[in-house]
Protein backbone atom coordinates (compact mmCIF):
# COMPACT_ATOMS: atom_id res chain seq x y z
CA MET A 1 114.11 82.94 119.09
CA THR A 2 117.17 83.14 116.51
CA ALA A 3 120.28 85.40 117.65
CA PHE A 4 121.10 88.52 115.52
CA THR A 5 124.02 90.74 115.16
CA VAL A 6 123.10 94.33 114.83
CA GLY A 7 125.55 96.60 113.18
CA TYR A 8 124.89 100.28 114.45
CA PHE A 9 125.65 103.64 113.29
CA VAL A 10 125.99 106.56 115.50
CA GLY A 11 125.39 109.74 113.47
CA SER A 12 127.44 112.00 115.43
CA LEU A 13 131.29 111.95 115.27
CA SER A 14 131.49 113.76 118.79
CA ARG A 15 132.96 111.84 121.66
CA GLU A 16 130.34 113.34 123.94
CA SER A 17 127.51 112.81 121.56
CA ILE A 18 124.23 112.10 123.41
CA ASN A 19 123.42 109.66 120.62
CA ARG A 20 126.42 107.65 121.67
CA THR A 21 125.07 107.79 125.31
CA LEU A 22 121.69 106.60 123.90
CA SER A 23 123.60 103.73 122.03
CA LYS A 24 124.99 102.60 125.39
CA ALA A 25 121.39 102.77 126.89
CA LEU A 26 119.94 100.63 124.00
CA ILE A 27 122.81 97.90 124.21
CA ALA A 28 122.14 97.71 128.22
CA LEU A 29 118.32 97.36 127.59
CA ALA A 30 118.33 94.96 124.45
CA PRO A 31 116.85 91.65 124.65
CA PRO A 32 119.38 88.66 124.76
CA GLU A 33 118.81 87.60 121.15
CA LEU A 34 120.32 90.82 119.97
CA SER A 35 124.25 91.41 120.08
CA PHE A 36 125.64 94.91 118.86
CA ALA A 37 128.79 95.91 116.92
CA GLU A 38 129.35 99.46 116.07
CA ILE A 39 130.02 100.51 112.55
CA PRO A 40 132.65 103.28 112.67
CA ILE A 41 131.87 106.39 110.17
CA GLY A 42 134.58 108.83 111.24
CA ASP A 43 137.63 107.73 108.97
CA LEU A 44 135.72 107.81 105.94
CA PRO A 45 137.00 110.09 103.18
CA LEU A 46 134.17 111.89 101.38
CA TYR A 47 132.43 109.62 98.97
CA ASN A 48 133.82 110.00 95.22
CA ARG A 49 132.90 107.71 92.41
CA ASP A 50 136.52 107.87 91.31
CA PHE A 51 137.00 105.24 94.16
CA ASP A 52 134.59 102.95 92.81
CA ALA A 53 137.01 100.69 90.99
CA ASP A 54 139.19 100.64 94.24
CA TYR A 55 137.39 101.33 97.54
CA PRO A 56 139.82 102.73 100.39
CA PRO A 57 140.31 100.52 103.28
CA SER A 58 137.89 102.25 105.64
CA ALA A 59 134.88 102.29 102.90
CA ARG A 60 135.60 98.34 102.49
CA ALA A 61 135.72 97.74 105.97
CA LEU A 62 132.32 99.69 106.07
CA LYS A 63 130.88 97.55 103.47
CA GLU A 64 132.15 94.40 105.13
CA ALA A 65 130.65 95.34 108.45
CA ILE A 66 127.17 95.85 107.10
CA THR A 67 127.36 92.65 105.07
CA ALA A 68 128.54 90.73 108.32
CA ALA A 69 125.49 92.05 110.31
CA ASP A 70 122.15 90.64 110.47
CA ALA A 71 120.39 94.05 110.84
CA ILE A 72 121.42 97.83 110.95
CA LEU A 73 120.52 100.22 113.65
CA PHE A 74 120.87 103.89 112.79
CA ILE A 75 121.32 105.96 116.27
CA THR A 76 121.29 109.65 114.99
CA PRO A 77 121.17 113.36 115.80
CA GLU A 78 119.47 115.92 113.43
CA TYR A 79 121.50 118.54 111.89
CA ASN A 80 119.88 121.45 110.35
CA ARG A 81 116.52 119.52 109.61
CA SER A 82 118.49 116.53 108.01
CA ILE A 83 121.03 113.66 108.96
CA PRO A 84 124.58 114.60 109.62
CA GLY A 85 126.89 114.88 106.78
CA ALA A 86 129.01 111.90 108.07
CA LEU A 87 126.25 109.43 108.06
CA LYS A 88 125.04 110.57 104.74
CA ASN A 89 128.61 109.96 103.51
CA ALA A 90 128.68 106.47 105.07
CA LEU A 91 125.25 105.70 103.40
CA ASP A 92 126.78 106.70 99.99
CA TRP A 93 129.98 104.49 100.42
CA ALA A 94 127.59 101.50 101.84
CA SER A 95 125.44 101.89 98.63
CA ARG A 96 127.92 102.19 95.92
CA PRO A 97 129.13 101.30 93.16
CA TRP A 98 126.08 100.39 91.42
CA GLY A 99 125.23 96.92 92.00
CA THR A 100 127.27 96.24 95.29
CA ASN A 101 124.66 98.12 97.72
CA SER A 102 125.39 96.70 100.98
CA LEU A 103 122.26 97.87 102.52
CA THR A 104 119.98 95.67 99.92
CA HIS A 105 117.48 93.64 102.15
CA LYS A 106 119.13 94.44 105.25
CA PRO A 107 116.66 95.01 107.98
CA ALA A 108 116.77 98.71 109.50
CA GLY A 109 115.81 100.51 112.44
CA VAL A 110 116.16 104.17 113.30
CA ILE A 111 116.16 106.07 116.61
CA GLY A 112 117.69 109.29 117.69
CA ALA A 113 118.09 111.80 120.47
CA SER A 114 117.95 115.43 120.67
CA SER A 115 117.86 118.15 123.77
CA GLY A 116 114.91 119.52 121.77
CA ALA A 117 111.27 118.56 122.12
CA LEU A 118 111.07 117.24 118.48
CA GLY A 119 113.78 114.59 119.13
CA THR A 120 115.15 114.07 115.54
CA VAL A 121 111.77 113.84 113.72
CA LEU A 122 113.10 115.44 110.48
CA ALA A 123 116.59 113.56 110.59
CA GLN A 124 114.72 110.35 110.86
CA GLN A 125 112.31 111.24 107.93
CA SER A 126 115.13 112.26 105.71
CA LEU A 127 117.13 108.94 106.93
CA ARG A 128 114.17 106.73 105.86
CA GLY A 129 113.92 108.34 102.46
CA VAL A 130 117.76 107.14 101.82
CA LEU A 131 117.22 103.71 103.40
CA ALA A 132 114.11 103.31 101.29
CA PHE A 133 115.96 104.10 97.96
CA CYS A 134 118.81 101.62 99.30
CA ASN A 135 116.28 98.93 99.47
CA ALA A 136 116.57 98.43 103.06
CA PRO A 137 113.34 97.20 104.72
CA GLN A 138 112.71 99.46 107.68
CA MET A 139 110.92 98.95 111.07
CA THR A 140 108.10 101.70 110.73
CA ALA A 141 106.51 101.39 114.14
CA PRO A 142 107.22 102.11 117.02
CA GLU A 143 108.97 105.25 116.18
CA ALA A 144 111.40 106.74 118.56
CA TYR A 145 112.11 110.35 118.81
CA ILE A 146 113.94 110.78 121.98
CA HIS A 147 114.10 113.68 124.24
CA PHE A 148 117.36 113.58 125.82
CA THR A 149 118.03 114.99 129.30
CA PRO A 150 121.16 114.19 131.39
CA GLU A 151 118.97 113.30 134.47
CA VAL A 152 117.45 110.70 132.58
CA PHE A 153 120.23 109.21 130.47
CA LEU A 154 123.58 108.99 132.45
CA ALA A 155 127.01 108.79 130.68
CA ASP A 156 127.41 105.03 131.13
CA GLY A 157 123.99 104.40 129.39
CA THR A 158 121.95 103.98 132.61
CA VAL A 159 118.40 105.24 132.09
CA THR A 160 116.76 106.42 135.28
CA ASN A 161 113.35 106.95 134.31
CA GLU A 162 111.34 103.58 134.56
CA GLY A 163 108.76 104.93 131.48
CA THR A 164 111.80 105.50 129.21
CA ARG A 165 113.43 102.31 129.71
CA GLU A 166 110.36 100.33 129.25
CA PHE A 167 109.85 102.21 125.96
CA LEU A 168 113.24 101.69 124.84
CA ARG A 169 113.09 97.89 126.05
CA THR A 170 109.63 97.78 123.87
CA TYR A 171 111.26 99.45 120.67
CA LEU A 172 114.29 96.88 121.04
CA GLN A 173 111.92 93.77 121.32
CA GLU A 174 109.91 95.08 118.21
CA PHE A 175 113.16 95.47 116.42
CA ALA A 176 114.31 91.98 117.26
CA ASP A 177 110.87 90.75 116.21
CA PHE A 178 111.13 92.67 112.90
CA VAL A 179 114.48 91.57 112.13
CA GLU A 180 113.27 88.02 112.54
CA ARG A 181 110.53 88.58 110.23
CA VAL A 182 112.60 90.19 107.71
CA HIS A 183 114.91 87.24 107.79
CA THR A 184 112.15 84.81 107.21
CA ILE A 185 110.99 86.51 104.02
CA LEU A 186 113.92 88.16 102.49
CA PRO A 187 117.08 86.35 101.23
CA GLN A 188 120.16 88.27 102.61
CA ARG A 189 123.24 88.79 100.64
CA ARG A 190 126.47 87.74 102.17
CA GLY A 191 130.00 88.67 100.83
């Protein structure tokens, strides 16, 4: 199997984000053909089309990181039944200006953790709508709405529950297979 670099977004800016903990777990459980590089979003100014002619350095770095990645994984919380503002802002920077959408043909996966029983269902649906508009092919199954508890997800990313570990391993293997299929069918834009 081909090796792929996965750029990943953590939708929360909090240092103690449960989705950051989930990202550590995912990296630890991933199949060997996937390597990961976080794409930071905390230093981006609010998107404003006045910058379209000359993107600020943080926005240029975001677009370059997406372009360099073979696939993108979104690990996001749910804020007010939708995606966090910082993540939406990053997507706006990534997809503009017109004709320079960094997400076009980029294989994408969506996962998220919440302390609530619904585990980011509505945030993921909202994010999927944005990704569809951005022409990013999405892995639609298995869906992964993670109910986060500190007994199962330790701060270092260790997952103590065998069923949860196996689910996440399966999710990541499915994602690796999906990325390979997309790369077989769709040309990837570089640079």
